[in-house]
Amino acid sequence: MPWYNGDYPPSYKNQPKKIREKAVEIANALLLDGAEEGVAIATGLKNAREFFKHKKSEQ
């Protein structure tokens, strides 16, 4: 199930807003590519954290 408009998986609840929004974006893309929901949720969060970790180190 894709997530939109502030709707997100419960495991994203305590994440900072920018990480949560990026994780939802990534997870939704994975779902469109046929990934299972649990895999999309975990991968979305992991990749969002990595995205901002690398973005911070570039500054």
Protein backbone atom coordinates (compact mmCIF):
# COMPACT_ATOMS: atom_id res chain seq x y z
CA MET A 1 0.00 0.00 0.00
CA PRO A 2 1.58 3.33 -1.01
CA TRP A 3 1.77 6.10 1.59
CA TYR A 4 0.78 9.72 0.93
CA ASN A 5 -0.14 12.98 2.70
CA GLY A 6 1.36 12.30 6.11
CA ASP A 7 0.39 8.64 6.09
CA TYR A 8 3.40 6.44 6.78
CA PRO A 9 4.33 3.10 8.33
CA PRO A 10 4.34 2.98 12.15
CA SER A 11 8.07 2.20 12.17
CA TYR A 12 8.71 5.66 10.69
CA LYS A 13 6.85 7.42 13.51
CA ASN A 14 9.85 8.54 15.58
CA GLN A 15 12.06 9.53 12.66
CA PRO A 16 12.85 13.17 11.85
CA LYS A 17 10.45 14.58 9.28
CA LYS A 18 13.00 14.85 6.45
CA ILE A 19 14.12 11.23 6.90
CA ARG A 20 10.51 10.02 7.17
CA GLU A 21 9.50 11.84 3.98
CA LYS A 22 12.50 10.52 2.03
CA ALA A 23 11.89 6.99 3.36
CA VAL A 24 8.26 7.14 2.20
CA GLU A 25 9.39 8.34 -1.22
CA ILE A 26 11.87 5.47 -1.53
CA ALA A 27 9.44 2.87 -0.15
CA ASN A 28 6.70 3.95 -2.56
CA ALA A 29 9.10 3.64 -5.51
CA LEU A 30 10.06 0.14 -4.37
CA LEU A 31 6.40 -0.85 -4.09
CA LEU A 32 5.81 0.34 -7.65
CA ASP A 33 8.70 -1.89 -8.73
CA GLY A 34 7.03 -4.89 -7.09
CA ALA A 35 8.85 -5.13 -3.76
CA GLU A 36 7.04 -6.60 -0.76
CA GLU A 37 5.74 -4.06 1.74
CA GLY A 38 8.04 -5.11 4.60
CA VAL A 39 11.10 -4.99 2.38
CA ALA A 40 10.08 -1.59 0.99
CA ILE A 41 9.61 -0.16 4.50
CA ALA A 42 12.98 -1.38 5.78
CA THR A 43 14.88 -0.45 2.64
CA GLY A 44 13.24 2.97 2.47
CA LEU A 45 14.31 3.84 5.99
CA LYS A 46 17.84 2.49 5.55
CA ASN A 47 18.37 4.34 2.28
CA ALA A 48 16.89 7.59 3.60
CA ARG A 49 19.31 7.53 6.54
CA GLU A 50 22.22 6.88 4.17
CA PHE A 51 21.04 9.66 1.83
CA PHE A 52 21.14 12.28 4.57
CA LYS A 53 24.35 10.89 6.08
CA HIS A 54 26.12 11.35 2.74
CA LYS A 55 24.45 14.69 2.11
CA LYS A 56 25.68 15.97 5.49
CA SER A 57 29.25 14.82 4.81
CA GLU A 58 29.26 16.68 1.46
CA GLN A 59 28.61 20.04 3.11
